[in-house]
Amino acid sequence: MRITIITVCYNRKATIGKAINSVLEQDYDDVEYIIVDGNSTDGTKEIIESYGDRISRYISEPDKGMYDAINKGLKLATGDVIGLMHSDDEFYDKKAISRIAARFNYEQNIDGVYGDGVYVSNDNEERLIRNRIGGMFSLKKVKEGWLPLHPTVYIKKSVIDQHGLYNLDFKIASDTEFLLRYLYKYKIKMSYIDAYIVKMRMGGMSTSIRRAFEVLYEDYKIYKFHGLAAFGVVFLKKTIALRQYLVQL
């Protein structure tokens, strides 16, 4: 089973090397690694290019934002299963992809998997900020605002080909729309891996505090777009997130 991992980036010189190394150091052999750069100007491209043919596919060109870049990567992907590694993040350990592949091999009728993750501070200490335990999947939880942590989600390419790419009408939270469309509208079959998959650094587009209200409003539009009680669902979603932050205090 080939697993495609996509990293998109723009001016991420400080973190792109760690993200790339965490992919290349995985103990699973059959990995296609695609990097889509938005024509960075800070030295990011030079770091990526230094890895040579260890990167399966690499393009660097202007794009319309992160989700447009992800869509470019999805169109290039040839793996059986596809997931993302954001340029600020890392795999939790070297066995993450092996666990994902093992689950797909064990449960061959599933469409996707997800697991747990942690948010850490964007400094050398990497202090734990938030613990994201996915828990078992249920449609009821999705209707109440729960979604799996996006970078832990891996979905079969055949399913993505069937249900479509990221919606570029949503600039900040298209990952929410993507997951809601797949889990709520199309009801794809997901399997929970009770293990940490990813370590995320605070400060990315979706974790920056200054963007919180913009994300909140876009979440509202997304849930309304899918016919759910948007205000109540988004309130519950943010309450869950706040509770997870407070547990770490």
C-alpha atoms as a PDB file:
ATOM      1  CA  MET A   1       0.000   0.000   0.000  1.00  0.00           C
ATOM      2  CA  ARG A   2       1.428   3.328  -1.051  1.00  0.00           C
ATOM      3  CA  ILE A   3       0.695   6.287   1.214  1.00  0.00           C
ATOM      4  CA  THR A   4       0.971   9.821  -0.166  1.00  0.00           C
ATOM      5  CA  ILE A   5       1.889  12.618   2.224  1.00  0.00           C
ATOM      6  CA  ILE A   6       1.425  16.210   1.061  1.00  0.00           C
ATOM      7  CA  THR A   7       3.144  19.248   2.565  1.00  0.00           C
ATOM      8  CA  VAL A   8       2.206  22.736   1.413  1.00  0.00           C
ATOM      9  CA  CYS A   9       4.226  25.755   2.468  1.00  0.00           C
ATOM     10  CA  TYR A  10       5.035  29.397   1.923  1.00  0.00           C
ATOM     11  CA  ASN A  11       7.975  31.115   3.630  1.00  0.00           C
ATOM     12  CA  ARG A  12       8.465  28.440   6.301  1.00  0.00           C
ATOM     13  CA  LYS A  13      12.262  28.395   6.464  1.00  0.00           C
ATOM     14  CA  ALA A  14      12.271  27.954  10.260  1.00  0.00           C
ATOM     15  CA  THR A  15      10.170  24.785  10.322  1.00  0.00           C
ATOM     16  CA  ILE A  16      10.089  23.136   6.892  1.00  0.00           C
ATOM     17  CA  GLY A  17      13.217  21.049   7.561  1.00  0.00           C
ATOM     18  CA  LYS A  18      11.703  19.466  10.673  1.00  0.00           C
ATOM     19  CA  ALA A  19       8.496  18.660   8.817  1.00  0.00           C
ATOM     20  CA  ILE A  20      10.386  17.051   5.927  1.00  0.00           C
ATOM     21  CA  ASN A  21      12.681  15.052   8.210  1.00  0.00           C
ATOM     22  CA  SER A  22       9.737  13.696  10.196  1.00  0.00           C
ATOM     23  CA  VAL A  23       8.295  12.291   6.955  1.00  0.00           C
ATOM     24  CA  LEU A  24      11.565  10.905   5.618  1.00  0.00           C
ATOM     25  CA  GLU A  25      12.385   9.269   8.971  1.00  0.00           C
ATOM     26  CA  GLN A  26       9.200   7.191   9.064  1.00  0.00           C
ATOM     27  CA  ASP A  27       9.853   3.442   9.261  1.00  0.00           C
ATOM     28  CA  TYR A  28       7.300   2.724   6.509  1.00  0.00           C
ATOM     29  CA  ASP A  29       8.893   2.277   3.086  1.00  0.00           C
ATOM     30  CA  ASP A  30       6.172   2.851   0.513  1.00  0.00           C
ATOM     31  CA  VAL A  31       5.659   6.601   0.909  1.00  0.00           C
ATOM     32  CA  GLU A  32       5.112   9.141  -1.853  1.00  0.00           C
ATOM     33  CA  TYR A  33       6.074  12.574  -0.538  1.00  0.00           C
ATOM     34  CA  ILE A  34       4.772  15.639  -2.379  1.00  0.00           C
ATOM     35  CA  ILE A  35       5.703  19.233  -1.484  1.00  0.00           C
ATOM     36  CA  VAL A  36       3.829  22.193  -2.958  1.00  0.00           C
ATOM     37  CA  ASP A  37       5.521  25.530  -2.271  1.00  0.00           C
ATOM     38  CA  GLY A  38       3.840  28.865  -2.987  1.00  0.00           C
ATOM     39  CA  ASN A  39       6.996  30.405  -4.515  1.00  0.00           C
ATOM     40  CA  SER A  40       8.673  31.194  -1.179  1.00  0.00           C
ATOM     41  CA  THR A  41      11.224  33.999  -0.975  1.00  0.00           C
ATOM     42  CA  ASP A  42      12.828  33.374   2.444  1.00  0.00           C
ATOM     43  CA  GLY A  43      15.048  30.376   1.687  1.00  0.00           C
ATOM     44  CA  THR A  44      12.364  27.711   2.053  1.00  0.00           C
ATOM     45  CA  LYS A  45      12.791  26.576  -1.547  1.00  0.00           C
ATOM     46  CA  GLU A  46      16.529  26.098  -1.103  1.00  0.00           C
ATOM     47  CA  ILE A  47      15.951  23.877   1.944  1.00  0.00           C
ATOM     48  CA  ILE A  48      13.428  21.742   0.060  1.00  0.00           C
ATOM     49  CA  GLU A  49      15.666  21.433  -2.971  1.00  0.00           C
ATOM     50  CA  SER A  50      18.576  20.280  -0.797  1.00  0.00           C
ATOM     51  CA  TYR A  51      16.727  16.973  -0.251  1.00  0.00           C
ATOM     52  CA  GLY A  52      16.924  16.178  -3.950  1.00  0.00           C
ATOM     53  CA  ASP A  53      15.170  13.027  -5.115  1.00  0.00           C
ATOM     54  CA  ARG A  54      14.195  12.055  -1.571  1.00  0.00           C
ATOM     55  CA  ILE A  55      11.137  14.219  -2.306  1.00  0.00           C
ATOM     56  CA  SER A  56       8.896  12.327  -4.749  1.00  0.00           C
ATOM     57  CA  ARG A  57       7.283  15.399  -6.345  1.00  0.00           C
ATOM     58  CA  TYR A  58       8.011  19.079  -5.779  1.00  0.00           C
ATOM     59  CA  ILE A  59       6.536  22.196  -7.354  1.00  0.00           C
ATOM     60  CA  SER A  60       7.044  25.841  -6.467  1.00  0.00           C
ATOM     61  CA  GLU A  61       4.703  28.405  -7.980  1.00  0.00           C
ATOM     62  CA  PRO A  62       2.227  31.087  -6.877  1.00  0.00           C
ATOM     63  CA  ASP A  63      -1.113  29.816  -5.613  1.00  0.00           C
ATOM     64  CA  LYS A  64      -4.417  31.107  -4.284  1.00  0.00           C
ATOM     65  CA  GLY A  65      -3.695  30.074  -0.693  1.00  0.00           C
ATOM     66  CA  MET A  66      -3.136  26.958   1.383  1.00  0.00           C
ATOM     67  CA  TYR A  67      -6.170  25.011   0.195  1.00  0.00           C
ATOM     68  CA  ASP A  68      -5.434  25.697  -3.461  1.00  0.00           C
ATOM     69  CA  ALA A  69      -1.937  24.330  -2.824  1.00  0.00           C
ATOM     70  CA  ILE A  70      -3.368  21.228  -1.113  1.00  0.00           C
ATOM     71  CA  ASN A  71      -5.638  20.661  -4.113  1.00  0.00           C
ATOM     72  CA  LYS A  72      -2.594  20.806  -6.393  1.00  0.00           C
ATOM     73  CA  GLY A  73      -0.955  18.129  -4.249  1.00  0.00           C
ATOM     74  CA  LEU A  74      -4.066  15.958  -4.325  1.00  0.00           C
ATOM     75  CA  LYS A  75      -4.116  16.111  -8.114  1.00  0.00           C
ATOM     76  CA  LEU A  76      -0.486  14.947  -8.221  1.00  0.00           C
ATOM     77  CA  ALA A  77      -0.966  12.123  -5.703  1.00  0.00           C
ATOM     78  CA  THR A  78      -0.765   8.520  -6.884  1.00  0.00           C
ATOM     79  CA  GLY A  79      -0.879   6.716  -3.527  1.00  0.00           C
ATOM     80  CA  ASP A  80      -3.674   4.452  -2.311  1.00  0.00           C
ATOM     81  CA  VAL A  81      -4.125   6.614   0.793  1.00  0.00           C
ATOM     82  CA  ILE A  82      -3.510  10.349   1.199  1.00  0.00           C
ATOM     83  CA  GLY A  83      -2.770  12.542   4.215  1.00  0.00           C
ATOM     84  CA  LEU A  84      -1.207  15.906   5.050  1.00  0.00           C
ATOM     85  CA  MET A  85       1.869  17.036   6.939  1.00  0.00           C
ATOM     86  CA  HIS A  86       1.676  20.788   7.545  1.00  0.00           C
ATOM     87  CA  SER A  87       4.928  22.710   7.252  1.00  0.00           C
ATOM     88  CA  ASP A  88       4.856  23.734  10.954  1.00  0.00           C
ATOM     89  CA  ASP A  89       4.213  20.211  12.226  1.00  0.00           C
ATOM     90  CA  GLU A  90       5.899  16.840  12.697  1.00  0.00           C
ATOM     91  CA  PHE A  91       4.884  13.236  13.110  1.00  0.00           C
ATOM     92  CA  TYR A  92       4.692  12.256  16.756  1.00  0.00           C
ATOM     93  CA  ASP A  93       7.093   9.354  16.238  1.00  0.00           C
ATOM     94  CA  LYS A  94       8.664   7.244  13.481  1.00  0.00           C
ATOM     95  CA  LYS A  95       5.900   4.616  13.474  1.00  0.00           C
ATOM     96  CA  ALA A  96       2.936   6.890  12.663  1.00  0.00           C
ATOM     97  CA  ILE A  97       2.601   5.876   9.001  1.00  0.00           C
ATOM     98  CA  SER A  98       3.146   2.195   9.819  1.00  0.00           C
ATOM     99  CA  ARG A  99       0.200   2.358  12.234  1.00  0.00           C
ATOM    100  CA  ILE A 100      -1.964   4.006   9.589  1.00  0.00           C
ATOM    101  CA  ALA A 101      -1.046   1.426   6.934  1.00  0.00           C
ATOM    102  CA  ALA A 102      -1.609  -1.437   9.372  1.00  0.00           C
ATOM    103  CA  ARG A 103      -5.133  -0.207  10.120  1.00  0.00           C
ATOM    104  CA  PHE A 104      -6.041   0.015   6.440  1.00  0.00           C
ATOM    105  CA  ASN A 105      -4.668  -3.476   5.877  1.00  0.00           C
ATOM    106  CA  TYR A 106      -6.575  -4.852   8.882  1.00  0.00           C
ATOM    107  CA  GLU A 107      -9.904  -3.133   8.113  1.00  0.00           C
ATOM    108  CA  GLN A 108     -10.005  -3.209   4.345  1.00  0.00           C
ATOM    109  CA  ASN A 109     -13.568  -1.922   4.102  1.00  0.00           C
ATOM    110  CA  ILE A 110     -12.843   1.448   5.746  1.00  0.00           C
ATOM    111  CA  ASP A 111     -12.534   4.726   3.822  1.00  0.00           C
ATOM    112  CA  GLY A 112     -10.270   6.587   6.218  1.00  0.00           C
ATOM    113  CA  VAL A 113      -8.534   6.689   9.575  1.00  0.00           C
ATOM    114  CA  TYR A 114      -7.708   9.327  12.171  1.00  0.00           C
ATOM    115  CA  GLY A 115      -5.891   9.459  15.486  1.00  0.00           C
ATOM    116  CA  ASP A 116      -4.727  11.729  18.286  1.00  0.00           C
ATOM    117  CA  GLY A 117      -2.466  14.758  18.280  1.00  0.00           C
ATOM    118  CA  VAL A 118      -0.917  17.409  20.470  1.00  0.00           C
ATOM    119  CA  TYR A 119      -0.455  21.160  20.116  1.00  0.00           C
ATOM    120  CA  VAL A 120       2.862  22.437  21.433  1.00  0.00           C
ATOM    121  CA  SER A 121       4.358  25.901  21.879  1.00  0.00           C
ATOM    122  CA  ASN A 122       6.291  27.339  18.960  1.00  0.00           C
ATOM    123  CA  ASP A 123       9.648  27.454  20.743  1.00  0.00           C
ATOM    124  CA  ASN A 124      12.489  25.154  21.715  1.00  0.00           C
ATOM    125  CA  GLU A 125      10.680  23.995  24.864  1.00  0.00           C
ATOM    126  CA  GLU A 126       7.661  22.721  22.899  1.00  0.00           C
ATOM    127  CA  ARG A 127       5.397  22.981  25.938  1.00  0.00           C
ATOM    128  CA  LEU A 128       2.145  21.025  25.713  1.00  0.00           C
ATOM    129  CA  ILE A 129      -0.670  23.492  24.965  1.00  0.00           C
ATOM    130  CA  ARG A 130      -3.530  21.212  24.028  1.00  0.00           C
ATOM    131  CA  ASN A 131      -4.101  17.484  23.941  1.00  0.00           C
ATOM    132  CA  ARG A 132      -6.396  16.312  21.132  1.00  0.00           C
ATOM    133  CA  ILE A 133      -7.753  12.835  21.798  1.00  0.00           C
ATOM    134  CA  GLY A 134      -9.943  11.827  18.881  1.00  0.00           C
ATOM    135  CA  GLY A 135     -12.005   9.080  20.489  1.00  0.00           C
ATOM    136  CA  MET A 136     -14.341   6.712  18.684  1.00  0.00           C
ATOM    137  CA  PHE A 137     -16.231   8.053  15.706  1.00  0.00           C
ATOM    138  CA  SER A 138     -19.966   8.696  15.706  1.00  0.00           C
ATOM    139  CA  LEU A 139     -22.223  10.760  13.472  1.00  0.00           C
ATOM    140  CA  LYS A 140     -23.911  12.185  16.581  1.00  0.00           C
ATOM    141  CA  LYS A 141     -20.595  13.694  17.697  1.00  0.00           C
ATOM    142  CA  VAL A 142     -20.090  15.261  14.264  1.00  0.00           C
ATOM    143  CA  LYS A 143     -23.536  16.887  14.432  1.00  0.00           C
ATOM    144  CA  GLU A 144     -22.581  18.328  17.830  1.00  0.00           C
ATOM    145  CA  GLY A 145     -19.403  19.986  16.558  1.00  0.00           C
ATOM    146  CA  TRP A 146     -16.782  17.250  16.908  1.00  0.00           C
ATOM    147  CA  LEU A 147     -14.350  16.583  14.065  1.00  0.00           C
ATOM    148  CA  PRO A 148     -11.122  14.575  14.044  1.00  0.00           C
ATOM    149  CA  LEU A 149      -7.879  16.528  14.100  1.00  0.00           C
ATOM    150  CA  HIS A 150      -7.334  17.298  10.440  1.00  0.00           C
ATOM    151  CA  PRO A 151      -3.605  16.382  10.122  1.00  0.00           C
ATOM    152  CA  THR A 152      -4.285  12.948  11.607  1.00  0.00           C
ATOM    153  CA  VAL A 153      -6.849  12.112   8.903  1.00  0.00           C
ATOM    154  CA  TYR A 154      -5.829   9.762   6.084  1.00  0.00           C
ATOM    155  CA  ILE A 155      -8.355   8.900   3.365  1.00  0.00           C
ATOM    156  CA  LYS A 156      -8.285   6.531   0.399  1.00  0.00           C
ATOM    157  CA  LYS A 157      -7.528   8.263  -2.898  1.00  0.00           C
ATOM    158  CA  SER A 158     -10.515   6.562  -4.527  1.00  0.00           C
ATOM    159  CA  VAL A 159     -12.800   8.215  -1.954  1.00  0.00           C
ATOM    160  CA  ILE A 160     -11.251  11.658  -2.527  1.00  0.00           C
ATOM    161  CA  ASP A 161     -11.596  11.206  -6.279  1.00  0.00           C
ATOM    162  CA  GLN A 162     -15.288  10.478  -5.706  1.00  0.00           C
ATOM    163  CA  HIS A 163     -16.167  13.222  -3.215  1.00  0.00           C
ATOM    164  CA  GLY A 164     -13.977  16.100  -4.309  1.00  0.00           C
ATOM    165  CA  LEU A 165     -11.244  18.508  -3.288  1.00  0.00           C
ATOM    166  CA  TYR A 166     -11.098  21.374  -0.788  1.00  0.00           C
ATOM    167  CA  ASN A 167     -13.671  24.123  -1.336  1.00  0.00           C
ATOM    168  CA  LEU A 168     -11.821  27.349  -2.153  1.00  0.00           C
ATOM    169  CA  ASP A 169     -14.834  29.465  -1.199  1.00  0.00           C
ATOM    170  CA  PHE A 170     -13.647  29.011   2.411  1.00  0.00           C
ATOM    171  CA  LYS A 171     -10.254  30.665   2.921  1.00  0.00           C
ATOM    172  CA  ILE A 172      -9.416  29.795   6.549  1.00  0.00           C
ATOM    173  CA  ALA A 173     -11.403  26.716   7.550  1.00  0.00           C
ATOM    174  CA  SER A 174     -11.858  24.738   4.340  1.00  0.00           C
ATOM    175  CA  ASP A 175     -10.492  21.729   6.221  1.00  0.00           C
ATOM    176  CA  THR A 176     -13.627  21.897   8.394  1.00  0.00           C
ATOM    177  CA  GLU A 177     -15.832  21.942   5.301  1.00  0.00           C
ATOM    178  CA  PHE A 178     -13.857  19.065   3.779  1.00  0.00           C
ATOM    179  CA  LEU A 179     -14.249  16.873   6.859  1.00  0.00           C
ATOM    180  CA  LEU A 180     -17.883  17.806   7.395  1.00  0.00           C
ATOM    181  CA  ARG A 181     -18.686  17.015   3.760  1.00  0.00           C
ATOM    182  CA  TYR A 182     -16.975  13.631   3.931  1.00  0.00           C
ATOM    183  CA  LEU A 183     -18.176  12.589   7.394  1.00  0.00           C
ATOM    184  CA  TYR A 184     -21.644  14.171   7.600  1.00  0.00           C
ATOM    185  CA  LYS A 185     -22.838  14.473   4.007  1.00  0.00           C
ATOM    186  CA  TYR A 186     -21.247  11.373   2.491  1.00  0.00           C
ATOM    187  CA  LYS A 187     -20.911   9.374   5.713  1.00  0.00           C
ATOM    188  CA  ILE A 188     -17.625   7.721   4.805  1.00  0.00           C
ATOM    189  CA  LYS A 189     -16.492   4.908   7.069  1.00  0.00           C
ATOM    190  CA  MET A 190     -13.758   6.013   9.491  1.00  0.00           C
ATOM    191  CA  SER A 191     -11.609   4.049  11.936  1.00  0.00           C
ATOM    192  CA  TYR A 192     -10.004   5.538  15.058  1.00  0.00           C
ATOM    193  CA  ILE A 193      -6.357   4.780  15.859  1.00  0.00           C
ATOM    194  CA  ASP A 194      -5.817   5.143  19.596  1.00  0.00           C
ATOM    195  CA  ALA A 195      -2.333   6.636  19.243  1.00  0.00           C
ATOM    196  CA  TYR A 196      -0.666   9.994  18.696  1.00  0.00           C
ATOM    197  CA  ILE A 197      -0.098  10.745  15.016  1.00  0.00           C
ATOM    198  CA  VAL A 198       1.047  14.351  14.861  1.00  0.00           C
ATOM    199  CA  LYS A 199       2.646  17.137  16.882  1.00  0.00           C
ATOM    200  CA  MET A 200       1.393  20.588  15.851  1.00  0.00           C
ATOM    201  CA  ARG A 201       3.010  23.925  16.642  1.00  0.00           C
ATOM    202  CA  MET A 202       0.847  26.838  17.712  1.00  0.00           C
ATOM    203  CA  GLY A 203       0.970  29.844  15.424  1.00  0.00           C
ATOM    204  CA  GLY A 204      -0.202  28.387  12.097  1.00  0.00           C
ATOM    205  CA  MET A 205      -3.129  29.837  10.163  1.00  0.00           C
ATOM    206  CA  SER A 206      -5.730  27.871  12.108  1.00  0.00           C
ATOM    207  CA  THR A 207      -4.095  28.145  15.560  1.00  0.00           C
ATOM    208  CA  SER A 208      -3.217  31.878  15.662  1.00  0.00           C
ATOM    209  CA  ILE A 209      -5.299  33.634  18.320  1.00  0.00           C
ATOM    210  CA  ARG A 210      -5.675  36.759  16.185  1.00  0.00           C
ATOM    211  CA  ARG A 211      -7.430  34.657  13.537  1.00  0.00           C
ATOM    212  CA  ALA A 212      -9.775  33.008  16.036  1.00  0.00           C
ATOM    213  CA  PHE A 213     -12.792  35.198  15.300  1.00  0.00           C
ATOM    214  CA  GLU A 214     -12.346  34.861  11.540  1.00  0.00           C
ATOM    215  CA  VAL A 215     -12.232  31.064  11.931  1.00  0.00           C
ATOM    216  CA  LEU A 216     -15.314  31.213  14.155  1.00  0.00           C
ATOM    217  CA  TYR A 217     -17.289  33.115  11.521  1.00  0.00           C
ATOM    218  CA  GLU A 218     -16.171  30.839   8.704  1.00  0.00           C
ATOM    219  CA  ASP A 219     -17.048  27.760  10.794  1.00  0.00           C
ATOM    220  CA  TYR A 220     -20.521  29.253  11.242  1.00  0.00           C
ATOM    221  CA  LYS A 221     -20.906  29.660   7.476  1.00  0.00           C
ATOM    222  CA  ILE A 222     -19.687  26.109   6.859  1.00  0.00           C
ATOM    223  CA  TYR A 223     -22.106  24.451   9.279  1.00  0.00           C
ATOM    224  CA  LYS A 224     -24.947  26.564   7.910  1.00  0.00           C
ATOM    225  CA  PHE A 225     -23.913  25.590   4.365  1.00  0.00           C
ATOM    226  CA  HIS A 226     -24.346  21.943   5.339  1.00  0.00           C
ATOM    227  CA  GLY A 227     -27.774  22.502   6.874  1.00  0.00           C
ATOM    228  CA  LEU A 228     -26.840  22.166  10.548  1.00  0.00           C
ATOM    229  CA  ALA A 229     -27.881  24.437  13.432  1.00  0.00           C
ATOM    230  CA  ALA A 230     -24.780  26.533  12.899  1.00  0.00           C
ATOM    231  CA  PHE A 231     -24.789  28.765  15.967  1.00  0.00           C
ATOM    232  CA  GLY A 232     -25.344  25.954  18.459  1.00  0.00           C
ATOM    233  CA  VAL A 233     -22.919  23.558  16.777  1.00  0.00           C
ATOM    234  CA  VAL A 234     -20.100  26.124  16.564  1.00  0.00           C
ATOM    235  CA  PHE A 235     -20.680  27.084  20.210  1.00  0.00           C
ATOM    236  CA  LEU A 236     -20.354  23.431  21.227  1.00  0.00           C
ATOM    237  CA  LYS A 237     -17.274  23.017  19.043  1.00  0.00           C
ATOM    238  CA  LYS A 238     -15.491  25.952  20.657  1.00  0.00           C
ATOM    239  CA  THR A 239     -16.576  24.821  24.134  1.00  0.00           C
ATOM    240  CA  ILE A 240     -14.918  21.456  23.506  1.00  0.00           C
ATOM    241  CA  ALA A 241     -11.735  23.201  22.345  1.00  0.00           C
ATOM    242  CA  LEU A 242     -11.682  25.521  25.377  1.00  0.00           C
ATOM    243  CA  ARG A 243     -12.112  22.584  27.743  1.00  0.00           C
ATOM    244  CA  GLN A 244      -9.096  20.868  26.155  1.00  0.00           C
ATOM    245  CA  TYR A 245      -6.976  23.990  26.588  1.00  0.00           C
ATOM    246  CA  LEU A 246      -8.020  24.441  30.228  1.00  0.00           C
ATOM    247  CA  VAL A 247      -7.112  20.850  31.110  1.00  0.00           C
ATOM    248  CA  GLN A 248      -3.458  21.702  30.360  1.00  0.00           C
ATOM    249  CA  LEU A 249      -3.399  24.798  32.654  1.00  0.00           C
END
